[in-house]
């Protein structure tokens, strides 16, 4: 998720919604770990499995984030 661009809905949710803030934080943590794994020259089997698992979890969280953004936009 690109947090560098201005998005008033996202900014408002980050300030007012702890669940949304937690999801964004988790997404960033997964992205950081995936970046670490991507820089490994010879990842182990466990690290490869972790990478696949993290990608799936990150995508699920991204879907939740966008769902919350859409619901907030519609309700306001």
C-alpha atoms as a PDB file:
ATOM      1  CA  UNK A   1       0.000   0.000   0.000  1.00  0.00           C
ATOM      2  CA  UNK A   2       1.374   3.353  -0.988  1.00  0.00           C
ATOM      3  CA  UNK A   3       1.189   5.648   1.997  1.00  0.00           C
ATOM      4  CA  UNK A   4       3.216   8.393   0.365  1.00  0.00           C
ATOM      5  CA  UNK A   5       0.328   9.840  -1.662  1.00  0.00           C
ATOM      6  CA  UNK A   6      -2.329  12.040  -0.124  1.00  0.00           C
ATOM      7  CA  UNK A   7      -5.663  10.337   0.416  1.00  0.00           C
ATOM      8  CA  UNK A   8      -8.057  12.175   2.723  1.00  0.00           C
ATOM      9  CA  UNK A   9     -10.166   9.074   3.451  1.00  0.00           C
ATOM     10  CA  UNK A  10      -7.129   6.992   4.353  1.00  0.00           C
ATOM     11  CA  UNK A  11      -5.692   9.824   6.451  1.00  0.00           C
ATOM     12  CA  UNK A  12      -8.945  10.200   8.365  1.00  0.00           C
ATOM     13  CA  UNK A  13      -9.199   6.464   9.023  1.00  0.00           C
ATOM     14  CA  UNK A  14      -5.586   6.350  10.200  1.00  0.00           C
ATOM     15  CA  UNK A  15      -6.400   9.051  12.749  1.00  0.00           C
ATOM     16  CA  UNK A  16      -9.778   7.769  13.915  1.00  0.00           C
ATOM     17  CA  UNK A  17      -9.942   3.997  13.408  1.00  0.00           C
ATOM     18  CA  UNK A  18      -7.573   1.793  15.454  1.00  0.00           C
ATOM     19  CA  UNK A  19      -8.529  -1.366  13.515  1.00  0.00           C
ATOM     20  CA  UNK A  20      -7.634   0.333  10.232  1.00  0.00           C
ATOM     21  CA  UNK A  21      -4.386   1.620  11.723  1.00  0.00           C
ATOM     22  CA  UNK A  22      -3.507  -1.913  12.883  1.00  0.00           C
ATOM     23  CA  UNK A  23      -4.165  -3.349   9.423  1.00  0.00           C
ATOM     24  CA  UNK A  24      -1.963  -0.734   7.768  1.00  0.00           C
ATOM     25  CA  UNK A  25       0.769  -1.417  10.329  1.00  0.00           C
ATOM     26  CA  UNK A  26       0.560  -5.181   9.693  1.00  0.00           C
ATOM     27  CA  UNK A  27       0.684  -4.582   5.941  1.00  0.00           C
ATOM     28  CA  UNK A  28       3.838  -2.483   6.330  1.00  0.00           C
ATOM     29  CA  UNK A  29       5.452  -5.117   8.565  1.00  0.00           C
ATOM     30  CA  UNK A  30       4.737  -7.833   5.995  1.00  0.00           C
ATOM     31  CA  UNK A  31       6.135  -5.620   3.237  1.00  0.00           C
ATOM     32  CA  UNK A  32       9.317  -5.023   5.242  1.00  0.00           C
ATOM     33  CA  UNK A  33       9.813  -8.734   5.909  1.00  0.00           C
ATOM     34  CA  UNK A  34       9.138  -9.593   2.257  1.00  0.00           C
ATOM     35  CA  UNK A  35      11.790  -7.081   1.266  1.00  0.00           C
ATOM     36  CA  UNK A  36      14.261  -8.772   3.611  1.00  0.00           C
ATOM     37  CA  UNK A  37      13.422 -12.183   2.171  1.00  0.00           C
ATOM     38  CA  UNK A  38      13.755 -10.901  -1.400  1.00  0.00           C
ATOM     39  CA  UNK A  39      17.341  -9.843  -0.708  1.00  0.00           C
ATOM     40  CA  UNK A  40      18.433 -13.309   0.409  1.00  0.00           C
ATOM     41  CA  UNK A  41      20.739 -14.953  -2.106  1.00  0.00           C
ATOM     42  CA  UNK A  42      19.893 -18.519  -1.110  1.00  0.00           C
ATOM     43  CA  UNK A  43      16.671 -18.612   0.903  1.00  0.00           C
ATOM     44  CA  UNK A  44      15.979 -21.807   2.801  1.00  0.00           C
ATOM     45  CA  UNK A  45      12.835 -23.844   2.246  1.00  0.00           C
ATOM     46  CA  UNK A  46      11.340 -22.297   5.380  1.00  0.00           C
ATOM     47  CA  UNK A  47      12.129 -18.787   4.136  1.00  0.00           C
ATOM     48  CA  UNK A  48      10.561 -19.540   0.759  1.00  0.00           C
ATOM     49  CA  UNK A  49       7.440 -20.849   2.477  1.00  0.00           C
ATOM     50  CA  UNK A  50       7.372 -17.783   4.713  1.00  0.00           C
ATOM     51  CA  UNK A  51       7.542 -15.552   1.632  1.00  0.00           C
ATOM     52  CA  UNK A  52       4.570 -17.257  -0.016  1.00  0.00           C
ATOM     53  CA  UNK A  53       2.569 -17.173   3.207  1.00  0.00           C
ATOM     54  CA  UNK A  54       3.342 -13.498   3.829  1.00  0.00           C
ATOM     55  CA  UNK A  55       2.320 -12.561   0.288  1.00  0.00           C
ATOM     56  CA  UNK A  56      -1.056 -14.216   0.804  1.00  0.00           C
ATOM     57  CA  UNK A  57      -1.579 -12.596   4.203  1.00  0.00           C
ATOM     58  CA  UNK A  58      -0.517  -9.208   2.842  1.00  0.00           C
ATOM     59  CA  UNK A  59      -3.030  -9.491   0.006  1.00  0.00           C
ATOM     60  CA  UNK A  60      -5.845 -10.391   2.416  1.00  0.00           C
ATOM     61  CA  UNK A  61      -5.003  -7.390   4.578  1.00  0.00           C
ATOM     62  CA  UNK A  62      -4.845  -5.143   1.527  1.00  0.00           C
ATOM     63  CA  UNK A  63      -8.337  -6.308   0.540  1.00  0.00           C
ATOM     64  CA  UNK A  64      -9.595  -5.525   4.060  1.00  0.00           C
ATOM     65  CA  UNK A  65      -7.988  -2.081   3.956  1.00  0.00           C
ATOM     66  CA  UNK A  66      -9.581  -1.231   0.620  1.00  0.00           C
ATOM     67  CA  UNK A  67     -12.923  -2.558   1.813  1.00  0.00           C
ATOM     68  CA  UNK A  68     -12.756  -0.288   4.857  1.00  0.00           C
ATOM     69  CA  UNK A  69     -11.787   2.660   2.652  1.00  0.00           C
ATOM     70  CA  UNK A  70     -14.720   1.996   0.346  1.00  0.00           C
ATOM     71  CA  UNK A  71     -17.204   1.587   3.221  1.00  0.00           C
ATOM     72  CA  UNK A  72     -15.999   4.814   4.790  1.00  0.00           C
ATOM     73  CA  UNK A  73     -16.291   6.690   1.485  1.00  0.00           C
ATOM     74  CA  UNK A  74     -19.832   5.456   0.951  1.00  0.00           C
ATOM     75  CA  UNK A  75     -20.958   6.217   4.494  1.00  0.00           C
ATOM     76  CA  UNK A  76     -19.576   9.770   4.519  1.00  0.00           C
END
